[in-house]
Amino acid sequence: MRTYGRITNAEGNLQWVEVTTDANGRNDNVWLTTLAQNLKLNIGESPFYANNGIPQYQTIVTQVFPDFYVMQIQSQFSQYFPSLIITKNQTPAPNYNVRVMTSYGVVLPITIPV
């Protein structure tokens, strides 16, 4: 299984990297990358998965976090992890705090900026 994610390289430029199944056959990194992309994706933006993402433009206009859509994303990805919790954080900048337990039993706290 594979997906692609963007990172900032040493020179400060954004580049796409391939994320694949690890040597032990676990897909934790693939699903974490896809989860992060879904939280940053505007609903209807993906040509393949039109129902994925959150309504970012409406969120900006109304200044209301899209809790319903975040809950949908959490329930969609919870099947891939023993534990997955997504919470919103409004200060200092809007972001999502993701706390996930991997299939190895490691708990990872991740902050995903909106």
PDB file of N, CA and C in Angstrom:
ATOM      1  N   MET A   1       0.850  -1.163   0.000  1.00  0.00           N
ATOM      2  CA  MET A   1       0.000   0.000   0.000  1.00  0.00           C
ATOM      3  C   MET A   1       0.899   1.231   0.000  1.00  0.00           C
ATOM      4  N   ARG A   2       0.465   2.283  -0.661  1.00  0.00           N
ATOM      5  CA  ARG A   2       1.263   3.498  -0.665  1.00  0.00           C
ATOM      6  C   ARG A   2       0.383   4.730  -0.801  1.00  0.00           C
ATOM      7  N   THR A   3       0.949   5.840  -0.370  1.00  0.00           N
ATOM      8  CA  THR A   3       0.328   7.143  -0.543  1.00  0.00           C
ATOM      9  C   THR A   3       1.464   8.146  -0.680  1.00  0.00           C
ATOM     10  N   TYR A   4       1.141   9.371  -0.948  1.00  0.00           N
ATOM     11  CA  TYR A   4       2.149  10.417  -1.072  1.00  0.00           C
ATOM     12  C   TYR A   4       1.830  11.544  -0.109  1.00  0.00           C
ATOM     13  N   GLY A   5       2.858  12.105   0.491  1.00  0.00           N
ATOM     14  CA  GLY A   5       2.692  13.218   1.413  1.00  0.00           C
ATOM     15  C   GLY A   5       3.728  14.284   1.121  1.00  0.00           C
ATOM     16  N   ARG A   6       3.415  15.518   1.482  1.00  0.00           N
ATOM     17  CA  ARG A   6       4.358  16.622   1.253  1.00  0.00           C
ATOM     18  C   ARG A   6       5.126  16.912   2.524  1.00  0.00           C
ATOM     19  N   ILE A   7       6.416  17.118   2.369  1.00  0.00           N
ATOM     20  CA  ILE A   7       7.279  17.499   3.478  1.00  0.00           C
ATOM     21  C   ILE A   7       8.083  18.715   3.069  1.00  0.00           C
ATOM     22  N   THR A   8       8.666  19.377   4.054  1.00  0.00           N
ATOM     23  CA  THR A   8       9.583  20.478   3.788  1.00  0.00           C
ATOM     24  C   THR A   8      10.990  19.920   3.884  1.00  0.00           C
ATOM     25  N   ASN A   9      11.750  20.011   2.794  1.00  0.00           N
ATOM     26  CA  ASN A   9      13.104  19.455   2.796  1.00  0.00           C
ATOM     27  C   ASN A   9      14.077  20.412   3.483  1.00  0.00           C
ATOM     28  N   ALA A  10      15.349  20.056   3.511  1.00  0.00           N
ATOM     29  CA  ALA A  10      16.371  20.834   4.229  1.00  0.00           C
ATOM     30  C   ALA A  10      16.510  22.262   3.691  1.00  0.00           C
ATOM     31  N   GLU A  11      16.221  22.458   2.417  1.00  0.00           N
ATOM     32  CA  GLU A  11      16.323  23.798   1.817  1.00  0.00           C
ATOM     33  C   GLU A  11      15.073  24.634   2.054  1.00  0.00           C
ATOM     34  N   GLY A  12      14.046  24.051   2.663  1.00  0.00           N
ATOM     35  CA  GLY A  12      12.813  24.780   2.943  1.00  0.00           C
ATOM     36  C   GLY A  12      11.779  24.664   1.846  1.00  0.00           C
ATOM     37  N   ASN A  13      12.031  23.826   0.852  1.00  0.00           N
ATOM     38  CA  ASN A  13      11.095  23.637  -0.252  1.00  0.00           C
ATOM     39  C   ASN A  13      10.163  22.468   0.043  1.00  0.00           C
ATOM     40  N   LEU A  14       8.934  22.592  -0.435  1.00  0.00           N
ATOM     41  CA  LEU A  14       7.985  21.492  -0.292  1.00  0.00           C
ATOM     42  C   LEU A  14       8.244  20.455  -1.372  1.00  0.00           C
ATOM     43  N   GLN A  15       8.210  19.190  -0.983  1.00  0.00           N
ATOM     44  CA  GLN A  15       8.361  18.133  -1.969  1.00  0.00           C
ATOM     45  C   GLN A  15       7.479  16.951  -1.581  1.00  0.00           C
ATOM     46  N   TRP A  16       7.079  16.191  -2.598  1.00  0.00           N
ATOM     47  CA  TRP A  16       6.246  15.020  -2.381  1.00  0.00           C
ATOM     48  C   TRP A  16       7.138  13.813  -2.130  1.00  0.00           C
ATOM     49  N   VAL A  17       6.770  12.994  -1.139  1.00  0.00           N
ATOM     50  CA  VAL A  17       7.492  11.758  -0.849  1.00  0.00           C
ATOM     51  C   VAL A  17       6.491  10.606  -0.814  1.00  0.00           C
ATOM     52  N   GLU A  18       6.972   9.439  -1.188  1.00  0.00           N
ATOM     53  CA  GLU A  18       6.138   8.246  -1.168  1.00  0.00           C
ATOM     54  C   GLU A  18       6.190   7.616   0.225  1.00  0.00           C
ATOM     55  N   VAL A  19       5.040   7.263   0.758  1.00  0.00           N
ATOM     56  CA  VAL A  19       4.940   6.594   2.048  1.00  0.00           C
ATOM     57  C   VAL A  19       4.342   5.219   1.772  1.00  0.00           C
ATOM     58  N   THR A  20       5.060   4.162   2.169  1.00  0.00           N
ATOM     59  CA  THR A  20       4.625   2.806   1.849  1.00  0.00           C
ATOM     60  C   THR A  20       4.535   1.941   3.113  1.00  0.00           C
ATOM     61  N   THR A  21       4.038   0.739   2.924  1.00  0.00           N
ATOM     62  CA  THR A  21       3.959  -0.254   3.995  1.00  0.00           C
ATOM     63  C   THR A  21       5.369  -0.513   4.528  1.00  0.00           C
ATOM     64  N   ASP A  22       5.514  -0.632   5.863  1.00  0.00           N
ATOM     65  CA  ASP A  22       6.853  -0.854   6.427  1.00  0.00           C
ATOM     66  C   ASP A  22       7.305  -2.302   6.232  1.00  0.00           C
ATOM     67  N   ALA A  23       8.514  -2.600   6.645  1.00  0.00           N
ATOM     68  CA  ALA A  23       9.114  -3.925   6.432  1.00  0.00           C
ATOM     69  C   ALA A  23       8.336  -5.035   7.126  1.00  0.00           C
ATOM     70  N   ASN A  24       7.597  -4.723   8.179  1.00  0.00           N
ATOM     71  CA  ASN A  24       6.815  -5.725   8.904  1.00  0.00           C
ATOM     72  C   ASN A  24       5.387  -5.861   8.380  1.00  0.00           C
ATOM     73  N   GLY A  25       5.063  -5.164   7.302  1.00  0.00           N
ATOM     74  CA  GLY A  25       3.736  -5.263   6.702  1.00  0.00           C
ATOM     75  C   GLY A  25       2.678  -4.396   7.353  1.00  0.00           C
ATOM     76  N   ARG A  26       3.084  -3.424   8.135  1.00  0.00           N
ATOM     77  CA  ARG A  26       2.119  -2.536   8.810  1.00  0.00           C
ATOM     78  C   ARG A  26       1.952  -1.241   8.004  1.00  0.00           C
ATOM     79  N   ASN A  27       0.740  -0.723   8.003  1.00  0.00           N
ATOM     80  CA  ASN A  27       0.419   0.465   7.207  1.00  0.00           C
ATOM     81  C   ASN A  27       0.158   1.703   8.055  1.00  0.00           C
ATOM     82  N   ASP A  28       0.667   1.753   9.264  1.00  0.00           N
ATOM     83  CA  ASP A  28       0.409   2.888  10.146  1.00  0.00           C
ATOM     84  C   ASP A  28       0.811   4.217   9.511  1.00  0.00           C
ATOM     85  N   ASN A  29       1.997   4.280   8.926  1.00  0.00           N
ATOM     86  CA  ASN A  29       2.468   5.537   8.333  1.00  0.00           C
ATOM     87  C   ASN A  29       1.628   5.940   7.125  1.00  0.00           C
ATOM     88  N   VAL A  30       1.183   4.960   6.362  1.00  0.00           N
ATOM     89  CA  VAL A  30       0.336   5.250   5.205  1.00  0.00           C
ATOM     90  C   VAL A  30      -0.975   5.877   5.665  1.00  0.00           C
ATOM     91  N   TRP A  31      -1.604   5.267   6.683  1.00  0.00           N
ATOM     92  CA  TRP A  31      -2.889   5.781   7.156  1.00  0.00           C
ATOM     93  C   TRP A  31      -2.747   7.118   7.877  1.00  0.00           C
ATOM     94  N   LEU A  32      -1.639   7.320   8.605  1.00  0.00           N
ATOM     95  CA  LEU A  32      -1.419   8.621   9.257  1.00  0.00           C
ATOM     96  C   LEU A  32      -1.242   9.729   8.227  1.00  0.00           C
ATOM     97  N   THR A  33      -0.511   9.439   7.169  1.00  0.00           N
ATOM     98  CA  THR A  33      -0.323  10.426   6.099  1.00  0.00           C
ATOM     99  C   THR A  33      -1.647  10.744   5.424  1.00  0.00           C
ATOM    100  N   THR A  34      -2.434   9.722   5.149  1.00  0.00           N
ATOM    101  CA  THR A  34      -3.739   9.927   4.520  1.00  0.00           C
ATOM    102  C   THR A  34      -4.683  10.690   5.436  1.00  0.00           C
ATOM    103  N   LEU A  35      -4.637  10.402   6.730  1.00  0.00           N
ATOM    104  CA  LEU A  35      -5.453  11.133   7.708  1.00  0.00           C
ATOM    105  C   LEU A  35      -5.091  12.620   7.706  1.00  0.00           C
ATOM    106  N   ALA A  36      -3.806  12.921   7.734  1.00  0.00           N
ATOM    107  CA  ALA A  36      -3.364  14.319   7.724  1.00  0.00           C
ATOM    108  C   ALA A  36      -3.819  15.021   6.450  1.00  0.00           C
ATOM    109  N   GLN A  37      -3.738  14.339   5.338  1.00  0.00           N
ATOM    110  CA  GLN A  37      -4.180  14.935   4.074  1.00  0.00           C
ATOM    111  C   GLN A  37      -5.677  15.187   4.077  1.00  0.00           C
ATOM    112  N   ASN A  38      -6.445  14.292   4.665  1.00  0.00           N
ATOM    113  CA  ASN A  38      -7.898  14.479   4.735  1.00  0.00           C
ATOM    114  C   ASN A  38      -8.269  15.665   5.604  1.00  0.00           C
ATOM    115  N   LEU A  39      -7.528  15.898   6.682  1.00  0.00           N
ATOM    116  CA  LEU A  39      -7.811  17.052   7.536  1.00  0.00           C
ATOM    117  C   LEU A  39      -7.444  18.370   6.854  1.00  0.00           C
ATOM    118  N   LYS A  40      -6.545  18.324   5.893  1.00  0.00           N
ATOM    119  CA  LYS A  40      -6.162  19.535   5.161  1.00  0.00           C
ATOM    120  C   LYS A  40      -6.933  19.702   3.851  1.00  0.00           C
ATOM    121  N   LEU A  41      -7.648  18.663   3.443  1.00  0.00           N
ATOM    122  CA  LEU A  41      -8.339  18.647   2.164  1.00  0.00           C
ATOM    123  C   LEU A  41      -9.674  19.366   2.264  1.00  0.00           C
ATOM    124  N   ASN A  42      -9.982  20.163   1.259  1.00  0.00           N
ATOM    125  CA  ASN A  42     -11.295  20.796   1.188  1.00  0.00           C
ATOM    126  C   ASN A  42     -12.276  19.787   0.618  1.00  0.00           C
ATOM    127  N   ILE A  43     -13.469  19.749   1.154  1.00  0.00           N
ATOM    128  CA  ILE A  43     -14.452  18.764   0.697  1.00  0.00           C
ATOM    129  C   ILE A  43     -14.734  18.983  -0.789  1.00  0.00           C
ATOM    130  N   GLY A  44     -14.753  17.887  -1.552  1.00  0.00           N
ATOM    131  CA  GLY A  44     -14.968  17.962  -2.990  1.00  0.00           C
ATOM    132  C   GLY A  44     -13.710  18.278  -3.782  1.00  0.00           C
ATOM    133  N   GLU A  45     -12.577  18.442  -3.132  1.00  0.00           N
ATOM    134  CA  GLU A  45     -11.342  18.809  -3.813  1.00  0.00           C
ATOM    135  C   GLU A  45     -10.661  17.612  -4.481  1.00  0.00           C
ATOM    136  N   SER A  46     -10.794  16.434  -3.896  1.00  0.00           N
ATOM    137  CA  SER A  46     -10.163  15.242  -4.449  1.00  0.00           C
ATOM    138  C   SER A  46     -10.946  14.738  -5.658  1.00  0.00           C
ATOM    139  N   PRO A  47     -10.255  14.463  -6.771  1.00  0.00           N
ATOM    140  CA  PRO A  47     -10.977  13.929  -7.936  1.00  0.00           C
ATOM    141  C   PRO A  47     -11.404  12.474  -7.742  1.00  0.00           C
ATOM    142  N   PHE A  48     -10.829  11.784  -6.769  1.00  0.00           N
ATOM    143  CA  PHE A  48     -11.135  10.376  -6.550  1.00  0.00           C
ATOM    144  C   PHE A  48     -12.106  10.157  -5.386  1.00  0.00           C
ATOM    145  N   TYR A  49     -11.983  10.980  -4.343  1.00  0.00           N
ATOM    146  CA  TYR A  49     -12.784  10.810  -3.131  1.00  0.00           C
ATOM    147  C   TYR A  49     -13.469  12.141  -2.800  1.00  0.00           C
ATOM    148  N   ALA A  50     -14.556  12.428  -3.507  1.00  0.00           N
ATOM    149  CA  ALA A  50     -15.218  13.720  -3.378  1.00  0.00           C
ATOM    150  C   ALA A  50     -15.827  13.953  -2.000  1.00  0.00           C
ATOM    151  N   ASN A  51     -16.109  12.890  -1.244  1.00  0.00           N
ATOM    152  CA  ASN A  51     -16.720  13.058   0.067  1.00  0.00           C
ATOM    153  C   ASN A  51     -15.690  13.216   1.179  1.00  0.00           C
ATOM    154  N   ASN A  52     -14.403  13.130   0.877  1.00  0.00           N
ATOM    155  CA  ASN A  52     -13.360  13.298   1.892  1.00  0.00           C
ATOM    156  C   ASN A  52     -13.002  14.762   2.063  1.00  0.00           C
ATOM    157  N   GLY A  53     -12.565  15.110   3.261  1.00  0.00           N
ATOM    158  CA  GLY A  53     -12.148  16.477   3.550  1.00  0.00           C
ATOM    159  C   GLY A  53     -13.137  17.192   4.450  1.00  0.00           C
ATOM    160  N   ILE A  54     -12.861  18.478   4.659  1.00  0.00           N
ATOM    161  CA  ILE A  54     -13.735  19.308   5.475  1.00  0.00           C
ATOM    162  C   ILE A  54     -14.067  20.576   4.689  1.00  0.00           C
ATOM    163  N   PRO A  55     -15.210  21.202   4.947  1.00  0.00           N
ATOM    164  CA  PRO A  55     -15.598  22.412   4.211  1.00  0.00           C
ATOM    165  C   PRO A  55     -14.811  23.632   4.712  1.00  0.00           C
ATOM    166  N   GLN A  56     -13.607  23.783   4.240  1.00  0.00           N
ATOM    167  CA  GLN A  56     -12.713  24.827   4.756  1.00  0.00           C
ATOM    168  C   GLN A  56     -13.205  26.233   4.450  1.00  0.00           C
ATOM    169  N   TYR A  57     -13.724  26.471   3.255  1.00  0.00           N
ATOM    170  CA  TYR A  57     -14.149  27.817   2.900  1.00  0.00           C
ATOM    171  C   TYR A  57     -15.331  28.270   3.759  1.00  0.00           C
ATOM    172  N   GLN A  58     -16.280  27.362   3.968  1.00  0.00           N
ATOM    173  CA  GLN A  58     -17.411  27.696   4.822  1.00  0.00           C
ATOM    174  C   GLN A  58     -16.955  27.906   6.258  1.00  0.00           C
ATOM    175  N   THR A  59     -15.961  27.151   6.675  1.00  0.00           N
ATOM    176  CA  THR A  59     -15.424  27.290   8.026  1.00  0.00           C
ATOM    177  C   THR A  59     -14.800  28.665   8.224  1.00  0.00           C
ATOM    178  N   ILE A  60     -14.071  29.135   7.223  1.00  0.00           N
ATOM    179  CA  ILE A  60     -13.432  30.456   7.313  1.00  0.00           C
ATOM    180  C   ILE A  60     -14.482  31.557   7.365  1.00  0.00           C
ATOM    181  N   VAL A  61     -15.501  31.441   6.538  1.00  0.00           N
ATOM    182  CA  VAL A  61     -16.547  32.466   6.486  1.00  0.00           C
ATOM    183  C   VAL A  61     -17.324  32.522   7.792  1.00  0.00           C
ATOM    184  N   THR A  62     -17.700  31.365   8.329  1.00  0.00           N
ATOM    185  CA  THR A  62     -18.529  31.335   9.529  1.00  0.00           C
ATOM    186  C   THR A  62     -17.730  31.331  10.824  1.00  0.00           C
ATOM    187  N   GLN A  63     -16.413  31.078  10.733  1.00  0.00           N
ATOM    188  CA  GLN A  63     -15.540  31.006  11.909  1.00  0.00           C
ATOM    189  C   GLN A  63     -15.999  29.935  12.895  1.00  0.00           C
ATOM    190  N   VAL A  64     -16.568  28.853  12.363  1.00  0.00           N
ATOM    191  CA  VAL A  64     -17.024  27.728  13.173  1.00  0.00           C
ATOM    192  C   VAL A  64     -16.257  26.486  12.724  1.00  0.00           C
ATOM    193  N   PHE A  65     -15.640  25.788  13.686  1.00  0.00           N
ATOM    194  CA  PHE A  65     -14.918  24.568  13.339  1.00  0.00           C
ATOM    195  C   PHE A  65     -15.894  23.531  12.773  1.00  0.00           C
ATOM    196  N   PRO A  66     -15.484  22.781  11.766  1.00  0.00           N
ATOM    197  CA  PRO A  66     -16.367  21.777  11.151  1.00  0.00           C
ATOM    198  C   PRO A  66     -16.354  20.459  11.930  1.00  0.00           C
ATOM    199  N   ASP A  67     -16.881  20.495  13.151  1.00  0.00           N
ATOM    200  CA  ASP A  67     -16.817  19.334  14.042  1.00  0.00           C
ATOM    201  C   ASP A  67     -17.455  18.084  13.447  1.00  0.00           C
ATOM    202  N   PHE A  68     -18.560  18.238  12.746  1.00  0.00           N
ATOM    203  CA  PHE A  68     -19.240  17.081  12.169  1.00  0.00           C
ATOM    204  C   PHE A  68     -18.335  16.372  11.162  1.00  0.00           C
ATOM    205  N   TYR A  69     -17.670  17.123  10.311  1.00  0.00           N
ATOM    206  CA  TYR A  69     -16.805  16.532   9.288  1.00  0.00           C
ATOM    207  C   TYR A  69     -15.544  15.920   9.900  1.00  0.00           C
ATOM    208  N   VAL A  70     -15.028  16.532  10.938  1.00  0.00           N
ATOM    209  CA  VAL A  70     -13.874  15.968  11.640  1.00  0.00           C
ATOM    210  C   VAL A  70     -14.271  14.657  12.304  1.00  0.00           C
ATOM    211  N   MET A  71     -15.478  14.609  12.860  1.00  0.00           N
ATOM    212  CA  MET A  71     -15.972  13.374  13.462  1.00  0.00           C
ATOM    213  C   MET A  71     -16.105  12.269  12.408  1.00  0.00           C
ATOM    214  N   GLN A  72     -16.556  12.625  11.215  1.00  0.00           N
ATOM    215  CA  GLN A  72     -16.646  11.653  10.127  1.00  0.00           C
ATOM    216  C   GLN A  72     -15.270  11.116   9.749  1.00  0.00           C
ATOM    217  N   ILE A  73     -14.291  12.001   9.667  1.00  0.00           N
ATOM    218  CA  ILE A  73     -12.931  11.574   9.339  1.00  0.00           C
ATOM    219  C   ILE A  73     -12.386  10.668  10.434  1.00  0.00           C
ATOM    220  N   GLN A  74     -12.631  11.031  11.689  1.00  0.00           N
ATOM    221  CA  GLN A  74     -12.164  10.207  12.798  1.00  0.00           C
ATOM    222  C   GLN A  74     -12.791   8.817  12.739  1.00  0.00           C
ATOM    223  N   SER A  75     -14.075   8.736  12.494  1.00  0.00           N
ATOM    224  CA  SER A  75     -14.719   7.421  12.431  1.00  0.00           C
ATOM    225  C   SER A  75     -14.258   6.633  11.205  1.00  0.00           C
ATOM    226  N   GLN A  76     -13.954   7.319  10.119  1.00  0.00           N
ATOM    227  CA  GLN A  76     -13.471   6.656   8.912  1.00  0.00           C
ATOM    228  C   GLN A  76     -12.101   6.015   9.140  1.00  0.00           C
ATOM    229  N   PHE A  77     -11.208   6.697   9.865  1.00  0.00           N
ATOM    230  CA  PHE A  77      -9.845   6.210  10.056  1.00  0.00           C
ATOM    231  C   PHE A  77      -9.657   5.419  11.349  1.00  0.00           C
ATOM    232  N   SER A  78     -10.636   5.410  12.231  1.00  0.00           N
ATOM    233  CA  SER A  78     -10.473   4.709  13.507  1.00  0.00           C
ATOM    234  C   SER A  78     -10.339   3.198  13.330  1.00  0.00           C
ATOM    235  N   GLN A  79     -10.823   2.669  12.233  1.00  0.00           N
ATOM    236  CA  GLN A  79     -10.701   1.227  11.999  1.00  0.00           C
ATOM    237  C   GLN A  79      -9.267   0.775  11.763  1.00  0.00           C
ATOM    238  N   TYR A  80      -8.357   1.704  11.472  1.00  0.00           N
ATOM    239  CA  TYR A  80      -6.975   1.349  11.174  1.00  0.00           C
ATOM    240  C   TYR A  80      -6.050   1.445  12.380  1.00  0.00           C
ATOM    241  N   PHE A  81      -6.555   1.939  13.508  1.00  0.00           N
ATOM    242  CA  PHE A  81      -5.733   2.130  14.705  1.00  0.00           C
ATOM    243  C   PHE A  81      -6.466   1.604  15.939  1.00  0.00           C
ATOM    244  N   PRO A  82      -5.709   1.109  16.923  1.00  0.00           N
ATOM    245  CA  PRO A  82      -6.358   0.703  18.182  1.00  0.00           C
ATOM    246  C   PRO A  82      -7.031   1.880  18.894  1.00  0.00           C
ATOM    247  N   SER A  83      -6.463   3.090  18.742  1.00  0.00           N
ATOM    248  CA  SER A  83      -7.040   4.281  19.356  1.00  0.00           C
ATOM    249  C   SER A  83      -6.727   5.490  18.487  1.00  0.00           C
ATOM    250  N   LEU A  84      -7.740   6.309  18.248  1.00  0.00           N
ATOM    251  CA  LEU A  84      -7.565   7.534  17.457  1.00  0.00           C
ATOM    252  C   LEU A  84      -8.473   8.610  18.024  1.00  0.00           C
ATOM    253  N   ILE A  85      -7.875   9.732  18.427  1.00  0.00           N
ATOM    254  CA  ILE A  85      -8.633  10.857  18.978  1.00  0.00           C
ATOM    255  C   ILE A  85      -8.191  12.124  18.251  1.00  0.00           C
ATOM    256  N   ILE A  86      -9.144  12.857  17.702  1.00  0.00           N
ATOM    257  CA  ILE A  86      -8.862  14.129  17.028  1.00  0.00           C
ATOM    258  C   ILE A  86      -9.584  15.222  17.789  1.00  0.00           C
ATOM    259  N   THR A  87      -8.833  16.231  18.234  1.00  0.00           N
ATOM    260  CA  THR A  87      -9.424  17.375  18.936  1.00  0.00           C
ATOM    261  C   THR A  87      -8.972  18.653  18.263  1.00  0.00           C
ATOM    262  N   LYS A  88      -9.779  19.690  18.405  1.00  0.00           N
ATOM    263  CA  LYS A  88      -9.430  20.981  17.816  1.00  0.00           C
ATOM    264  C   LYS A  88      -8.676  21.823  18.834  1.00  0.00           C
ATOM    265  N   ASN A  89      -7.814  22.662  18.322  1.00  0.00           N
ATOM    266  CA  ASN A  89      -7.047  23.593  19.142  1.00  0.00           C
ATOM    267  C   ASN A  89      -7.088  24.932  18.424  1.00  0.00           C
ATOM    268  N   GLN A  90      -7.607  25.953  19.060  1.00  0.00           N
ATOM    269  CA  GLN A  90      -7.797  27.239  18.398  1.00  0.00           C
ATOM    270  C   GLN A  90      -6.686  28.240  18.671  1.00  0.00           C
ATOM    271  N   THR A  91      -5.799  27.939  19.604  1.00  0.00           N
ATOM    272  CA  THR A  91      -4.755  28.901  19.934  1.00  0.00           C
ATOM    273  C   THR A  91      -3.391  28.278  19.789  1.00  0.00           C
ATOM    274  N   PRO A  92      -2.374  28.980  19.346  1.00  0.00           N
ATOM    275  CA  PRO A  92      -2.401  30.325  18.786  1.00  0.00           C
ATOM    276  C   PRO A  92      -2.932  30.348  17.358  1.00  0.00           C
ATOM    277  N   ALA A  93      -2.811  29.236  16.631  1.00  0.00           N
ATOM    278  CA  ALA A  93      -3.368  29.157  15.278  1.00  0.00           C
ATOM    279  C   ALA A  93      -4.251  27.910  15.211  1.00  0.00           C
ATOM    280  N   PRO A  94      -5.277  27.928  14.387  1.00  0.00           N
ATOM    281  CA  PRO A  94      -6.154  26.756  14.307  1.00  0.00           C
ATOM    282  C   PRO A  94      -5.384  25.519  13.843  1.00  0.00           C
ATOM    283  N   ASN A  95      -5.562  24.437  14.574  1.00  0.00           N
ATOM    284  CA  ASN A  95      -4.956  23.160  14.184  1.00  0.00           C
ATOM    285  C   ASN A  95      -5.714  22.029  14.853  1.00  0.00           C
ATOM    286  N   TYR A  96      -5.373  20.823  14.460  1.00  0.00           N
ATOM    287  CA  TYR A  96      -5.974  19.638  15.062  1.00  0.00           C
ATOM    288  C   TYR A  96      -4.902  18.860  15.798  1.00  0.00           C
ATOM    289  N   ASN A  97      -5.227  18.454  17.009  1.00  0.00           N
ATOM    290  CA  ASN A  97      -4.355  17.582  17.774  1.00  0.00           C
ATOM    291  C   ASN A  97      -4.846  16.157  17.557  1.00  0.00           C
ATOM    292  N   VAL A  98      -3.970  15.327  17.031  1.00  0.00           N
ATOM    293  CA  VAL A  98      -4.297  13.930  16.769  1.00  0.00           C
ATOM    294  C   VAL A  98      -3.474  13.083  17.724  1.00  0.00           C
ATOM    295  N   ARG A  99      -4.150  12.226  18.452  1.00  0.00           N
ATOM    296  CA  ARG A  99      -3.464  11.295  19.353  1.00  0.00           C
ATOM    297  C   ARG A  99      -3.831   9.896  18.874  1.00  0.00           C
ATOM    298  N   VAL A 100      -2.836   9.178  18.401  1.00  0.00           N
ATOM    299  CA  VAL A 100      -3.079   7.881  17.789  1.00  0.00           C
ATOM    300  C   VAL A 100      -2.183   6.824  18.424  1.00  0.00           C
ATOM    301  N   MET A 101      -2.753   5.648  18.623  1.00  0.00           N
ATOM    302  CA  MET A 101      -1.958   4.497  19.047  1.00  0.00           C
ATOM    303  C   MET A 101      -1.745   3.631  17.811  1.00  0.00           C
ATOM    304  N   THR A 102      -0.490   3.372  17.485  1.00  0.00           N
ATOM    305  CA  THR A 102      -0.179   2.579  16.305  1.00  0.00           C
ATOM    306  C   THR A 102      -0.368   1.096  16.596  1.00  0.00           C
ATOM    307  N   SER A 103      -0.260   0.286  15.574  1.00  0.00           N
ATOM    308  CA  SER A 103      -0.390  -1.164  15.749  1.00  0.00           C
ATOM    309  C   SER A 103       0.777  -1.750  16.535  1.00  0.00           C
ATOM    310  N   TYR A 104       1.839  -0.980  16.724  1.00  0.00           N
ATOM    311  CA  TYR A 104       2.966  -1.398  17.556  1.00  0.00           C
ATOM    312  C   TYR A 104       2.746  -1.056  19.028  1.00  0.00           C
ATOM    313  N   GLY A 105       1.666  -0.330  19.340  1.00  0.00           N
ATOM    314  CA  GLY A 105       1.377   0.058  20.712  1.00  0.00           C
ATOM    315  C   GLY A 105       1.991   1.386  21.115  1.00  0.00           C
ATOM    316  N   VAL A 106       2.550   2.114  20.163  1.00  0.00           N
ATOM    317  CA  VAL A 106       3.167   3.411  20.429  1.00  0.00           C
ATOM    318  C   VAL A 106       2.109   4.502  20.293  1.00  0.00           C
ATOM    319  N   VAL A 107       2.041   5.395  21.278  1.00  0.00           N
ATOM    320  CA  VAL A 107       1.101   6.513  21.225  1.00  0.00           C
ATOM    321  C   VAL A 107       1.830   7.724  20.655  1.00  0.00           C
ATOM    322  N   LEU A 108       1.293   8.277  19.567  1.00  0.00           N
ATOM    323  CA  LEU A 108       1.902   9.425  18.902  1.00  0.00           C
ATOM    324  C   LEU A 108       0.997  10.639  19.020  1.00  0.00           C
ATOM    325  N   PRO A 109       1.478  11.729  19.610  1.00  0.00           N
ATOM    326  CA  PRO A 109       0.735  12.984  19.565  1.00  0.00           C
ATOM    327  C   PRO A 109       1.199  13.781  18.346  1.00  0.00           C
ATOM    328  N   ILE A 110       0.267  14.142  17.479  1.00  0.00           N
ATOM    329  CA  ILE A 110       0.591  14.845  16.236  1.00  0.00           C
ATOM    330  C   ILE A 110      -0.259  16.093  16.156  1.00  0.00           C
ATOM    331  N   THR A 111       0.342  17.214  15.761  1.00  0.00           N
ATOM    332  CA  THR A 111      -0.394  18.451  15.530  1.00  0.00           C
ATOM    333  C   THR A 111      -0.448  18.686  14.020  1.00  0.00           C
ATOM    334  N   ILE A 112      -1.653  18.849  13.491  1.00  0.00           N
ATOM    335  CA  ILE A 112      -1.847  19.078  12.068  1.00  0.00           C
ATOM    336  C   ILE A 112      -2.422  20.470  11.882  1.00  0.00           C
ATOM    337  N   PRO A 113      -1.647  21.399  11.309  1.00  0.00           N
ATOM    338  CA  PRO A 113      -2.180  22.748  11.075  1.00  0.00           C
ATOM    339  C   PRO A 113      -3.251  22.733  10.004  1.00  0.00           C
ATOM    340  N   VAL A 114      -4.222  23.611  10.155  1.00  0.00           N
ATOM    341  CA  VAL A 114      -5.318  23.690   9.190  1.00  0.00           C
ATOM    342  C   VAL A 114      -4.876  24.522   8.011  1.00  0.00           C
TER     343      VAL A 114
END
